[in-house]
Amino acid sequence: MNGKRVRAKVDGWVFLDKPVGPSSTQALGRVRRVFDAAKGGHAGTLDPLASGLLPIALGEATKTLAHFADGTKEYEFTVRWGTATASDDAEGEITATSSARPTQASLAAALPRFTGEIEQVPPVYSAVKIGGERAYALARAGEEVTMKSRKVLIYGLEIVGIPGPDEARLRVKCGSGTYVRSLARDLALALGTVGHVIALRRTAVGRHRVEQAISLENLEALGHSPARFGALAPVETVLDDIPALAVTAQEAAALRQGRVLRDPRAEQSPPVPGMLAVFHDGRLVALAEGIDGTIRPARVFNLGSMKE
């Protein structure tokens, strides 16, 4: 024996309310330790200074991480006017100042310009790759970093509150790839001043909301007790918007072997092509593509009991 620790096979989703402080990777590590999970991943990175909903996939759930890639996200954030920073948040060095402060009326009038499809330049201190290197790593090394503009979708942007003349709290619903720090920076410039984000909280990812999430503190307080599995949602939780298809035991075995099946729906009417969540006896078997009267497995699952 080599003494290497063997972790448990744990499959499912933990919808975590990440606190300010740990990175997303550190939060994932702490969740894996609670469950002693052999494998894990997270959907959508949150900076250490950001809090809120961080969906964490364990075991076979990691095969569904891509399902969150194009989902909508919702954030609440606070902008401080009058100071720009290198990172567009409170962590960076001050790069510019302004005495101008927008009124609530001017802020409200500017918001429609930042909804719909807009052009956005990611922050220099971001995880965007440039020549195979992360932008933040190049910036911290003192290299000059030129970020390219990209199109992002802003579905909604509204004022939540005005704590004082130097700050504004806003809520944004946006598509993947949006940087809230860039949004705050560009909004400030459009209002004739400069600004940066001092607080950021993700409140929703797709249909999942932070109100239903468990805090890292409460999860860790459960330790290795059986109660921790109450925070573990089934792998198929994130697949509710995909049509489901029930198959026989023989068909399930064939899909797990990567075989293409005849689409059983074709017996009633021409099936609508697209992705399917395939089940046998209530258990997720595969994500498969229905095409030309066939079922073609894309990702297959080996799921046991959630408490095994």
C-alpha atoms as a PDB file:
ATOM      1  CA  MET A   1       0.000   0.000   0.000  1.00  0.00           C
ATOM      2  CA  ASN A   2       1.259   3.471  -0.881  1.00  0.00           C
ATOM      3  CA  GLY A   3      -0.719   5.230   1.864  1.00  0.00           C
ATOM      4  CA  LYS A   4      -2.506   7.515  -0.592  1.00  0.00           C
ATOM      5  CA  ARG A   5      -5.883   8.591   0.721  1.00  0.00           C
ATOM      6  CA  VAL A   6      -8.872   7.417  -1.285  1.00  0.00           C
ATOM      7  CA  ARG A   7     -11.689   9.967  -1.321  1.00  0.00           C
ATOM      8  CA  ALA A   8     -15.373   9.106  -1.558  1.00  0.00           C
ATOM      9  CA  LYS A   9     -17.511   8.977  -4.682  1.00  0.00           C
ATOM     10  CA  VAL A  10     -20.024  11.756  -4.062  1.00  0.00           C
ATOM     11  CA  ASP A  11     -22.282  12.965  -6.871  1.00  0.00           C
ATOM     12  CA  GLY A  12     -24.445  16.073  -6.810  1.00  0.00           C
ATOM     13  CA  TRP A  13     -24.644  19.848  -6.594  1.00  0.00           C
ATOM     14  CA  VAL A  14     -23.999  22.157  -3.651  1.00  0.00           C
ATOM     15  CA  PHE A  15     -25.428  25.636  -4.112  1.00  0.00           C
ATOM     16  CA  LEU A  16     -23.045  27.582  -1.928  1.00  0.00           C
ATOM     17  CA  ASP A  17     -23.346  31.121  -0.585  1.00  0.00           C
ATOM     18  CA  LYS A  18     -19.659  31.998  -0.826  1.00  0.00           C
ATOM     19  CA  PRO A  19     -18.450  34.605   1.674  1.00  0.00           C
ATOM     20  CA  VAL A  20     -16.039  37.436   0.935  1.00  0.00           C
ATOM     21  CA  GLY A  21     -12.460  36.205   1.413  1.00  0.00           C
ATOM     22  CA  PRO A  22     -11.836  32.814  -0.143  1.00  0.00           C
ATOM     23  CA  SER A  23     -11.409  32.409  -3.878  1.00  0.00           C
ATOM     24  CA  SER A  24     -13.802  30.153  -5.782  1.00  0.00           C
ATOM     25  CA  THR A  25     -11.110  27.461  -5.911  1.00  0.00           C
ATOM     26  CA  GLN A  26     -10.568  27.678  -2.150  1.00  0.00           C
ATOM     27  CA  ALA A  27     -14.326  27.480  -1.522  1.00  0.00           C
ATOM     28  CA  LEU A  28     -14.512  24.402  -3.749  1.00  0.00           C
ATOM     29  CA  GLY A  29     -11.699  22.777  -1.778  1.00  0.00           C
ATOM     30  CA  ARG A  30     -13.487  23.379   1.502  1.00  0.00           C
ATOM     31  CA  VAL A  31     -16.735  21.902   0.156  1.00  0.00           C
ATOM     32  CA  ARG A  32     -14.875  18.844  -1.124  1.00  0.00           C
ATOM     33  CA  ARG A  33     -13.357  18.364   2.332  1.00  0.00           C
ATOM     34  CA  VAL A  34     -16.796  18.429   3.969  1.00  0.00           C
ATOM     35  CA  PHE A  35     -17.970  15.614   1.685  1.00  0.00           C
ATOM     36  CA  ASP A  36     -14.551  13.996   1.340  1.00  0.00           C
ATOM     37  CA  ALA A  37     -15.351  14.136  -2.381  1.00  0.00           C
ATOM     38  CA  ALA A  38     -12.942  12.721  -4.931  1.00  0.00           C
ATOM     39  CA  LYS A  39     -13.857  15.177  -7.681  1.00  0.00           C
ATOM     40  CA  GLY A  40     -15.336  18.648  -7.937  1.00  0.00           C
ATOM     41  CA  GLY A  41     -15.664  21.828  -9.950  1.00  0.00           C
ATOM     42  CA  HIS A  42     -17.465  25.172  -9.788  1.00  0.00           C
ATOM     43  CA  ALA A  43     -19.661  27.052 -12.253  1.00  0.00           C
ATOM     44  CA  GLY A  44     -18.729  30.681 -12.734  1.00  0.00           C
ATOM     45  CA  THR A  45     -15.808  32.177 -10.821  1.00  0.00           C
ATOM     46  CA  LEU A  46     -16.368  34.678  -8.023  1.00  0.00           C
ATOM     47  CA  ASP A  47     -13.481  36.944  -7.013  1.00  0.00           C
ATOM     48  CA  PRO A  48     -12.320  36.770  -3.373  1.00  0.00           C
ATOM     49  CA  LEU A  49     -13.930  40.190  -2.790  1.00  0.00           C
ATOM     50  CA  ALA A  50     -17.270  38.929  -4.151  1.00  0.00           C
ATOM     51  CA  SER A  51     -19.875  36.914  -2.275  1.00  0.00           C
ATOM     52  CA  GLY A  52     -22.968  35.023  -3.269  1.00  0.00           C
ATOM     53  CA  LEU A  53     -24.153  32.018  -5.216  1.00  0.00           C
ATOM     54  CA  LEU A  54     -21.415  29.637  -6.312  1.00  0.00           C
ATOM     55  CA  PRO A  55     -22.772  26.375  -7.795  1.00  0.00           C
ATOM     56  CA  ILE A  56     -20.379  23.545  -6.954  1.00  0.00           C
ATOM     57  CA  ALA A  57     -20.475  20.214  -8.773  1.00  0.00           C
ATOM     58  CA  LEU A  58     -19.217  17.043  -7.106  1.00  0.00           C
ATOM     59  CA  GLY A  59     -18.416  13.781  -8.853  1.00  0.00           C
ATOM     60  CA  GLU A  60     -20.638  12.999 -11.838  1.00  0.00           C
ATOM     61  CA  ALA A  61     -22.233  16.452 -11.581  1.00  0.00           C
ATOM     62  CA  THR A  62     -19.043  17.913 -13.071  1.00  0.00           C
ATOM     63  CA  LYS A  63     -20.237  16.484 -16.401  1.00  0.00           C
ATOM     64  CA  THR A  64     -23.068  19.029 -16.357  1.00  0.00           C
ATOM     65  CA  LEU A  65     -20.937  22.098 -15.581  1.00  0.00           C
ATOM     66  CA  ALA A  66     -21.170  23.249 -19.190  1.00  0.00           C
ATOM     67  CA  HIS A  67     -24.925  23.585 -18.700  1.00  0.00           C
ATOM     68  CA  PHE A  68     -24.253  26.763 -16.699  1.00  0.00           C
ATOM     69  CA  ALA A  69     -21.874  28.235 -19.280  1.00  0.00           C
ATOM     70  CA  ASP A  70     -24.468  30.278 -21.177  1.00  0.00           C
ATOM     71  CA  GLY A  71     -26.907  30.836 -18.328  1.00  0.00           C
ATOM     72  CA  THR A  72     -28.018  34.225 -17.062  1.00  0.00           C
ATOM     73  CA  LYS A  73     -26.592  35.618 -13.843  1.00  0.00           C
ATOM     74  CA  GLU A  74     -27.803  38.292 -11.459  1.00  0.00           C
ATOM     75  CA  TYR A  75     -25.645  40.521  -9.271  1.00  0.00           C
ATOM     76  CA  GLU A  76     -26.105  43.318  -6.787  1.00  0.00           C
ATOM     77  CA  PHE A  77     -23.158  45.687  -6.581  1.00  0.00           C
ATOM     78  CA  THR A  78     -22.098  48.991  -5.069  1.00  0.00           C
ATOM     79  CA  VAL A  79     -20.167  51.585  -7.064  1.00  0.00           C
ATOM     80  CA  ARG A  80     -18.050  54.250  -5.388  1.00  0.00           C
ATOM     81  CA  TRP A  81     -17.820  57.367  -7.493  1.00  0.00           C
ATOM     82  CA  GLY A  82     -14.776  59.604  -7.726  1.00  0.00           C
ATOM     83  CA  THR A  83     -11.980  57.009  -7.647  1.00  0.00           C
ATOM     84  CA  ALA A  84     -10.734  54.652 -10.346  1.00  0.00           C
ATOM     85  CA  THR A  85      -8.478  51.711  -9.533  1.00  0.00           C
ATOM     86  CA  ALA A  86      -6.226  49.440 -11.580  1.00  0.00           C
ATOM     87  CA  SER A  87      -8.450  46.427 -10.904  1.00  0.00           C
ATOM     88  CA  ASP A  88     -11.784  48.326 -11.074  1.00  0.00           C
ATOM     89  CA  ASP A  89     -12.491  47.156  -7.513  1.00  0.00           C
ATOM     90  CA  ALA A  90     -11.397  48.081  -3.993  1.00  0.00           C
ATOM     91  CA  GLU A  91      -8.294  45.877  -4.151  1.00  0.00           C
ATOM     92  CA  GLY A  92      -6.411  47.828  -6.840  1.00  0.00           C
ATOM     93  CA  GLU A  93      -4.219  50.903  -6.645  1.00  0.00           C
ATOM     94  CA  ILE A  94      -5.863  54.264  -7.301  1.00  0.00           C
ATOM     95  CA  THR A  95      -5.266  55.367 -10.897  1.00  0.00           C
ATOM     96  CA  ALA A  96      -7.518  58.441 -11.192  1.00  0.00           C
ATOM     97  CA  THR A  97      -9.804  60.675  -9.164  1.00  0.00           C
ATOM     98  CA  SER A  98     -12.673  63.030  -9.937  1.00  0.00           C
ATOM     99  CA  SER A  99     -14.718  65.501  -7.910  1.00  0.00           C
ATOM    100  CA  ALA A 100     -17.781  64.968 -10.096  1.00  0.00           C
ATOM    101  CA  ARG A 101     -20.696  63.021  -8.607  1.00  0.00           C
ATOM    102  CA  PRO A 102     -23.734  61.873 -10.598  1.00  0.00           C
ATOM    103  CA  THR A 103     -27.240  62.618  -9.374  1.00  0.00           C
ATOM    104  CA  GLN A 104     -29.763  59.812  -9.031  1.00  0.00           C
ATOM    105  CA  ALA A 105     -31.645  61.276 -11.997  1.00  0.00           C
ATOM    106  CA  SER A 106     -28.559  61.308 -14.236  1.00  0.00           C
ATOM    107  CA  LEU A 107     -27.688  57.752 -13.170  1.00  0.00           C
ATOM    108  CA  ALA A 108     -31.198  56.520 -13.980  1.00  0.00           C
ATOM    109  CA  ALA A 109     -31.081  58.262 -17.371  1.00  0.00           C
ATOM    110  CA  ALA A 110     -27.767  56.568 -18.235  1.00  0.00           C
ATOM    111  CA  LEU A 111     -28.811  52.983 -17.447  1.00  0.00           C
ATOM    112  CA  PRO A 112     -30.664  52.285 -20.735  1.00  0.00           C
ATOM    113  CA  ARG A 113     -27.405  52.894 -22.602  1.00  0.00           C
ATOM    114  CA  PHE A 114     -25.959  49.869 -20.790  1.00  0.00           C
ATOM    115  CA  THR A 115     -28.755  47.383 -21.500  1.00  0.00           C
ATOM    116  CA  GLY A 116     -29.109  45.036 -24.437  1.00  0.00           C
ATOM    117  CA  GLU A 117     -26.035  43.957 -26.371  1.00  0.00           C
ATOM    118  CA  ILE A 118     -23.140  46.238 -25.464  1.00  0.00           C
ATOM    119  CA  GLU A 119     -19.397  46.367 -26.055  1.00  0.00           C
ATOM    120  CA  GLN A 120     -17.270  45.810 -22.972  1.00  0.00           C
ATOM    121  CA  VAL A 121     -13.541  45.685 -22.299  1.00  0.00           C
ATOM    122  CA  PRO A 122     -12.725  43.229 -19.482  1.00  0.00           C
ATOM    123  CA  PRO A 123     -10.659  44.497 -16.554  1.00  0.00           C
ATOM    124  CA  VAL A 124      -6.893  44.140 -16.864  1.00  0.00           C
ATOM    125  CA  TYR A 125      -7.004  42.141 -13.632  1.00  0.00           C
ATOM    126  CA  SER A 126      -9.227  39.348 -14.939  1.00  0.00           C
ATOM    127  CA  ALA A 127      -8.941  35.680 -15.868  1.00  0.00           C
ATOM    128  CA  VAL A 128      -9.100  36.364 -19.622  1.00  0.00           C
ATOM    129  CA  LYS A 129      -6.281  34.562 -21.420  1.00  0.00           C
ATOM    130  CA  ILE A 130      -3.810  36.507 -23.566  1.00  0.00           C
ATOM    131  CA  GLY A 131      -1.326  34.373 -25.449  1.00  0.00           C
ATOM    132  CA  GLY A 132      -2.043  31.469 -23.120  1.00  0.00           C
ATOM    133  CA  GLU A 133      -1.480  33.520 -19.946  1.00  0.00           C
ATOM    134  CA  ARG A 134      -4.083  34.959 -17.582  1.00  0.00           C
ATOM    135  CA  ALA A 135      -4.392  38.737 -17.898  1.00  0.00           C
ATOM    136  CA  TYR A 136      -4.106  39.238 -14.130  1.00  0.00           C
ATOM    137  CA  ALA A 137      -0.832  37.283 -14.046  1.00  0.00           C
ATOM    138  CA  LEU A 138       0.658  39.452 -16.795  1.00  0.00           C
ATOM    139  CA  ALA A 139      -0.540  42.639 -15.080  1.00  0.00           C
ATOM    140  CA  ARG A 140       0.906  41.601 -11.721  1.00  0.00           C
ATOM    141  CA  ALA A 141       4.207  40.853 -13.443  1.00  0.00           C
ATOM    142  CA  GLY A 142       4.314  44.459 -14.622  1.00  0.00           C
ATOM    143  CA  GLU A 143       3.665  43.713 -18.280  1.00  0.00           C
ATOM    144  CA  GLU A 144       1.540  46.014 -20.398  1.00  0.00           C
ATOM    145  CA  VAL A 145      -1.805  44.331 -21.056  1.00  0.00           C
ATOM    146  CA  THR A 146      -4.165  45.293 -23.867  1.00  0.00           C
ATOM    147  CA  MET A 147      -7.661  43.892 -23.462  1.00  0.00           C
ATOM    148  CA  LYS A 148      -9.921  43.406 -26.481  1.00  0.00           C
ATOM    149  CA  SER A 149     -13.505  44.568 -26.509  1.00  0.00           C
ATOM    150  CA  ARG A 150     -16.251  41.937 -26.516  1.00  0.00           C
ATOM    151  CA  LYS A 151     -20.006  41.890 -26.875  1.00  0.00           C
ATOM    152  CA  VAL A 152     -22.030  41.010 -23.767  1.00  0.00           C
ATOM    153  CA  LEU A 153     -25.748  40.928 -23.017  1.00  0.00           C
ATOM    154  CA  ILE A 154     -27.314  43.005 -20.251  1.00  0.00           C
ATOM    155  CA  TYR A 155     -30.934  41.968 -19.720  1.00  0.00           C
ATOM    156  CA  GLY A 156     -31.688  44.447 -16.975  1.00  0.00           C
ATOM    157  CA  LEU A 157     -29.964  47.156 -14.937  1.00  0.00           C
ATOM    158  CA  GLU A 158     -31.642  49.061 -12.115  1.00  0.00           C
ATOM    159  CA  ILE A 159     -30.918  51.212  -9.097  1.00  0.00           C
ATOM    160  CA  VAL A 160     -31.361  49.457  -5.741  1.00  0.00           C
ATOM    161  CA  GLY A 161     -30.427  52.359  -3.486  1.00  0.00           C
ATOM    162  CA  ILE A 162     -28.340  55.509  -3.070  1.00  0.00           C
ATOM    163  CA  PRO A 163     -26.496  55.327   0.294  1.00  0.00           C
ATOM    164  CA  GLY A 164     -24.949  58.782  -0.264  1.00  0.00           C
ATOM    165  CA  PRO A 165     -23.461  61.080  -2.913  1.00  0.00           C
ATOM    166  CA  ASP A 166     -20.356  58.916  -3.271  1.00  0.00           C
ATOM    167  CA  GLU A 167     -22.088  55.553  -3.779  1.00  0.00           C
ATOM    168  CA  ALA A 168     -24.875  53.786  -5.651  1.00  0.00           C
ATOM    169  CA  ARG A 169     -26.232  50.242  -5.312  1.00  0.00           C
ATOM    170  CA  LEU A 170     -27.395  48.541  -8.485  1.00  0.00           C
ATOM    171  CA  ARG A 171     -28.775  45.224  -9.680  1.00  0.00           C
ATOM    172  CA  VAL A 172     -27.860  43.684 -13.036  1.00  0.00           C
ATOM    173  CA  LYS A 173     -29.119  40.616 -14.878  1.00  0.00           C
ATOM    174  CA  CYS A 174     -26.633  39.635 -17.546  1.00  0.00           C
ATOM    175  CA  GLY A 175     -25.346  36.942 -19.872  1.00  0.00           C
ATOM    176  CA  SER A 176     -22.151  34.946 -19.593  1.00  0.00           C
ATOM    177  CA  GLY A 177     -18.841  36.745 -19.965  1.00  0.00           C
ATOM    178  CA  THR A 178     -20.069  40.012 -18.424  1.00  0.00           C
ATOM    179  CA  TYR A 179     -17.733  41.780 -16.013  1.00  0.00           C
ATOM    180  CA  VAL A 180     -19.576  43.840 -13.412  1.00  0.00           C
ATOM    181  CA  ARG A 181     -16.370  45.728 -12.637  1.00  0.00           C
ATOM    182  CA  SER A 182     -16.172  46.859 -16.271  1.00  0.00           C
ATOM    183  CA  LEU A 183     -19.844  47.830 -16.215  1.00  0.00           C
ATOM    184  CA  ALA A 184     -19.289  50.031 -13.157  1.00  0.00           C
ATOM    185  CA  ARG A 185     -16.151  51.589 -14.677  1.00  0.00           C
ATOM    186  CA  ASP A 186     -17.877  52.400 -17.974  1.00  0.00           C
ATOM    187  CA  LEU A 187     -21.016  53.690 -16.288  1.00  0.00           C
ATOM    188  CA  ALA A 188     -18.941  56.107 -14.214  1.00  0.00           C
ATOM    189  CA  LEU A 189     -17.129  57.385 -17.309  1.00  0.00           C
ATOM    190  CA  ALA A 190     -20.442  57.896 -19.110  1.00  0.00           C
ATOM    191  CA  LEU A 191     -21.581  60.002 -16.147  1.00  0.00           C
ATOM    192  CA  GLY A 192     -18.517  62.252 -16.339  1.00  0.00           C
ATOM    193  CA  THR A 193     -16.646  60.786 -13.409  1.00  0.00           C
ATOM    194  CA  VAL A 194     -14.677  57.659 -12.474  1.00  0.00           C
ATOM    195  CA  GLY A 195     -15.619  54.792 -10.196  1.00  0.00           C
ATOM    196  CA  HIS A 196     -14.984  51.282  -8.976  1.00  0.00           C
ATOM    197  CA  VAL A 197     -16.869  48.402  -7.354  1.00  0.00           C
ATOM    198  CA  ILE A 198     -16.627  48.193  -3.567  1.00  0.00           C
ATOM    199  CA  ALA A 199     -19.151  45.363  -3.026  1.00  0.00           C
ATOM    200  CA  LEU A 200     -20.356  42.591  -5.319  1.00  0.00           C
ATOM    201  CA  ARG A 201     -22.810  39.788  -4.604  1.00  0.00           C
ATOM    202  CA  ARG A 202     -24.125  37.199  -7.055  1.00  0.00           C
ATOM    203  CA  THR A 203     -27.780  36.594  -6.289  1.00  0.00           C
ATOM    204  CA  ALA A 204     -28.749  34.144  -9.041  1.00  0.00           C
ATOM    205  CA  VAL A 205     -27.401  31.732 -11.649  1.00  0.00           C
ATOM    206  CA  GLY A 206     -30.098  30.678 -14.070  1.00  0.00           C
ATOM    207  CA  ARG A 207     -33.170  29.763 -12.006  1.00  0.00           C
ATOM    208  CA  HIS A 208     -31.115  29.095  -8.865  1.00  0.00           C
ATOM    209  CA  ARG A 209     -31.114  31.860  -6.270  1.00  0.00           C
ATOM    210  CA  VAL A 210     -28.826  32.614  -3.365  1.00  0.00           C
ATOM    211  CA  GLU A 211     -31.743  32.536  -0.922  1.00  0.00           C
ATOM    212  CA  GLN A 212     -31.802  28.742  -1.302  1.00  0.00           C
ATOM    213  CA  ALA A 213     -28.018  28.380  -0.953  1.00  0.00           C
ATOM    214  CA  ILE A 214     -26.147  27.194   2.123  1.00  0.00           C
ATOM    215  CA  SER A 215     -23.409  29.299   3.666  1.00  0.00           C
ATOM    216  CA  LEU A 216     -19.911  27.892   3.840  1.00  0.00           C
ATOM    217  CA  GLU A 217     -19.964  28.359   7.609  1.00  0.00           C
ATOM    218  CA  ASN A 218     -23.168  26.349   8.038  1.00  0.00           C
ATOM    219  CA  LEU A 219     -21.987  23.617   5.685  1.00  0.00           C
ATOM    220  CA  GLU A 220     -18.701  23.192   7.530  1.00  0.00           C
ATOM    221  CA  ALA A 221     -20.556  23.148  10.846  1.00  0.00           C
ATOM    222  CA  LEU A 222     -22.249  19.926   9.691  1.00  0.00           C
ATOM    223  CA  GLY A 223     -18.833  18.275   9.562  1.00  0.00           C
ATOM    224  CA  HIS A 224     -18.907  14.685   8.357  1.00  0.00           C
ATOM    225  CA  SER A 225     -22.358  13.993   9.791  1.00  0.00           C
ATOM    226  CA  PRO A 226     -25.028  12.423   7.543  1.00  0.00           C
ATOM    227  CA  ALA A 227     -26.868  15.772   7.714  1.00  0.00           C
ATOM    228  CA  ARG A 228     -24.421  17.238   5.204  1.00  0.00           C
ATOM    229  CA  PHE A 229     -26.112  15.263   2.434  1.00  0.00           C
ATOM    230  CA  GLY A 230     -29.176  17.447   2.947  1.00  0.00           C
ATOM    231  CA  ALA A 231     -27.203  20.189   1.194  1.00  0.00           C
ATOM    232  CA  LEU A 232     -26.447  17.945  -1.786  1.00  0.00           C
ATOM    233  CA  ALA A 233     -28.857  18.283  -4.715  1.00  0.00           C
ATOM    234  CA  PRO A 234     -29.146  15.553  -7.368  1.00  0.00           C
ATOM    235  CA  VAL A 235     -27.049  15.800 -10.528  1.00  0.00           C
ATOM    236  CA  GLU A 236     -30.179  16.325 -12.660  1.00  0.00           C
ATOM    237  CA  THR A 237     -31.164  19.432 -10.665  1.00  0.00           C
ATOM    238  CA  VAL A 238     -29.561  21.682 -13.285  1.00  0.00           C
ATOM    239  CA  LEU A 239     -31.191  19.884 -16.227  1.00  0.00           C
ATOM    240  CA  ASP A 240     -34.811  20.848 -15.611  1.00  0.00           C
ATOM    241  CA  ASP A 241     -35.019  22.833 -18.861  1.00  0.00           C
ATOM    242  CA  ILE A 242     -33.938  19.821 -20.969  1.00  0.00           C
ATOM    243  CA  PRO A 243     -36.636  17.371 -22.181  1.00  0.00           C
ATOM    244  CA  ALA A 244     -36.526  14.064 -20.304  1.00  0.00           C
ATOM    245  CA  LEU A 245     -36.745  10.617 -21.870  1.00  0.00           C
ATOM    246  CA  ALA A 246     -37.278   7.324 -20.039  1.00  0.00           C
ATOM    247  CA  VAL A 247     -35.577   4.205 -21.430  1.00  0.00           C
ATOM    248  CA  THR A 248     -35.463   0.505 -20.581  1.00  0.00           C
ATOM    249  CA  ALA A 249     -32.655  -1.176 -18.663  1.00  0.00           C
ATOM    250  CA  GLN A 250     -31.278  -2.600 -21.903  1.00  0.00           C
ATOM    251  CA  GLU A 251     -31.340   0.797 -23.603  1.00  0.00           C
ATOM    252  CA  ALA A 252     -29.669   2.400 -20.578  1.00  0.00           C
ATOM    253  CA  ALA A 253     -26.870  -0.166 -20.694  1.00  0.00           C
ATOM    254  CA  ALA A 254     -26.379   0.460 -24.400  1.00  0.00           C
ATOM    255  CA  LEU A 255     -26.145   4.223 -23.913  1.00  0.00           C
ATOM    256  CA  ARG A 256     -23.582   3.782 -21.140  1.00  0.00           C
ATOM    257  CA  GLN A 257     -21.510   1.776 -23.646  1.00  0.00           C
ATOM    258  CA  GLY A 258     -21.674   4.686 -26.082  1.00  0.00           C
ATOM    259  CA  ARG A 259     -24.043   2.991 -28.512  1.00  0.00           C
ATOM    260  CA  VAL A 260     -26.522   4.887 -30.694  1.00  0.00           C
ATOM    261  CA  LEU A 261     -30.182   3.913 -30.215  1.00  0.00           C
ATOM    262  CA  ARG A 262     -33.311   4.299 -32.267  1.00  0.00           C
ATOM    263  CA  ASP A 263     -35.372   7.149 -30.790  1.00  0.00           C
ATOM    264  CA  PRO A 264     -38.415   5.508 -29.103  1.00  0.00           C
ATOM    265  CA  ARG A 265     -40.389   8.737 -29.559  1.00  0.00           C
ATOM    266  CA  ALA A 266     -40.397   8.147 -33.318  1.00  0.00           C
ATOM    267  CA  GLU A 267     -43.126   5.504 -32.842  1.00  0.00           C
ATOM    268  CA  GLN A 268     -45.676   8.216 -32.001  1.00  0.00           C
ATOM    269  CA  SER A 269     -44.544  11.189 -34.137  1.00  0.00           C
ATOM    270  CA  PRO A 270     -41.396  12.720 -35.631  1.00  0.00           C
ATOM    271  CA  PRO A 271     -39.308  13.678 -32.561  1.00  0.00           C
ATOM    272  CA  VAL A 272     -38.022  17.203 -32.093  1.00  0.00           C
ATOM    273  CA  PRO A 273     -34.204  17.164 -32.395  1.00  0.00           C
ATOM    274  CA  GLY A 274     -32.076  18.446 -29.531  1.00  0.00           C
ATOM    275  CA  MET A 275     -30.497  17.531 -26.225  1.00  0.00           C
ATOM    276  CA  LEU A 276     -32.256  15.057 -23.914  1.00  0.00           C
ATOM    277  CA  ALA A 277     -31.832  14.026 -20.292  1.00  0.00           C
ATOM    278  CA  VAL A 278     -32.201  10.242 -20.399  1.00  0.00           C
ATOM    279  CA  PHE A 279     -33.424   8.346 -17.308  1.00  0.00           C
ATOM    280  CA  HIS A 280     -33.952   4.744 -16.312  1.00  0.00           C
ATOM    281  CA  ASP A 281     -35.906   3.887 -13.185  1.00  0.00           C
ATOM    282  CA  GLY A 282     -35.700   7.536 -12.055  1.00  0.00           C
ATOM    283  CA  ARG A 283     -31.896   7.692 -12.321  1.00  0.00           C
ATOM    284  CA  LEU A 284     -30.001   9.862 -14.800  1.00  0.00           C
ATOM    285  CA  VAL A 285     -28.298   7.719 -17.445  1.00  0.00           C
ATOM    286  CA  ALA A 286     -27.007  10.170 -20.034  1.00  0.00           C
ATOM    287  CA  LEU A 287     -27.178  13.495 -21.750  1.00  0.00           C
ATOM    288  CA  ALA A 288     -27.910  12.546 -25.321  1.00  0.00           C
ATOM    289  CA  GLU A 289     -28.678  14.220 -28.617  1.00  0.00           C
ATOM    290  CA  GLY A 290     -31.802  13.275 -30.490  1.00  0.00           C
ATOM    291  CA  ILE A 291     -31.115  13.538 -34.205  1.00  0.00           C
ATOM    292  CA  ASP A 292     -32.493  11.877 -37.332  1.00  0.00           C
ATOM    293  CA  GLY A 293     -34.583   9.427 -35.334  1.00  0.00           C
ATOM    294  CA  THR A 294     -31.676   8.297 -33.164  1.00  0.00           C
ATOM    295  CA  ILE A 295     -30.425   8.907 -29.620  1.00  0.00           C
ATOM    296  CA  ARG A 296     -26.687   9.594 -29.480  1.00  0.00           C
ATOM    297  CA  PRO A 297     -25.033   9.720 -26.025  1.00  0.00           C
ATOM    298  CA  ALA A 298     -23.000  12.870 -25.346  1.00  0.00           C
ATOM    299  CA  ARG A 299     -22.205  12.366 -21.636  1.00  0.00           C
ATOM    300  CA  VAL A 300     -22.988   9.195 -19.700  1.00  0.00           C
ATOM    301  CA  PHE A 301     -23.351   8.956 -15.917  1.00  0.00           C
ATOM    302  CA  ASN A 302     -22.485   6.338 -13.338  1.00  0.00           C
ATOM    303  CA  LEU A 303     -24.652   7.318 -10.399  1.00  0.00           C
ATOM    304  CA  GLY A 304     -25.048   5.498  -7.118  1.00  0.00           C
ATOM    305  CA  SER A 305     -27.004   6.522  -4.072  1.00  0.00           C
ATOM    306  CA  MET A 306     -26.350  10.099  -2.946  1.00  0.00           C
ATOM    307  CA  LYS A 307     -25.298   8.750   0.465  1.00  0.00           C
ATOM    308  CA  GLU A 308     -23.035   6.006  -0.702  1.00  0.00           C
END
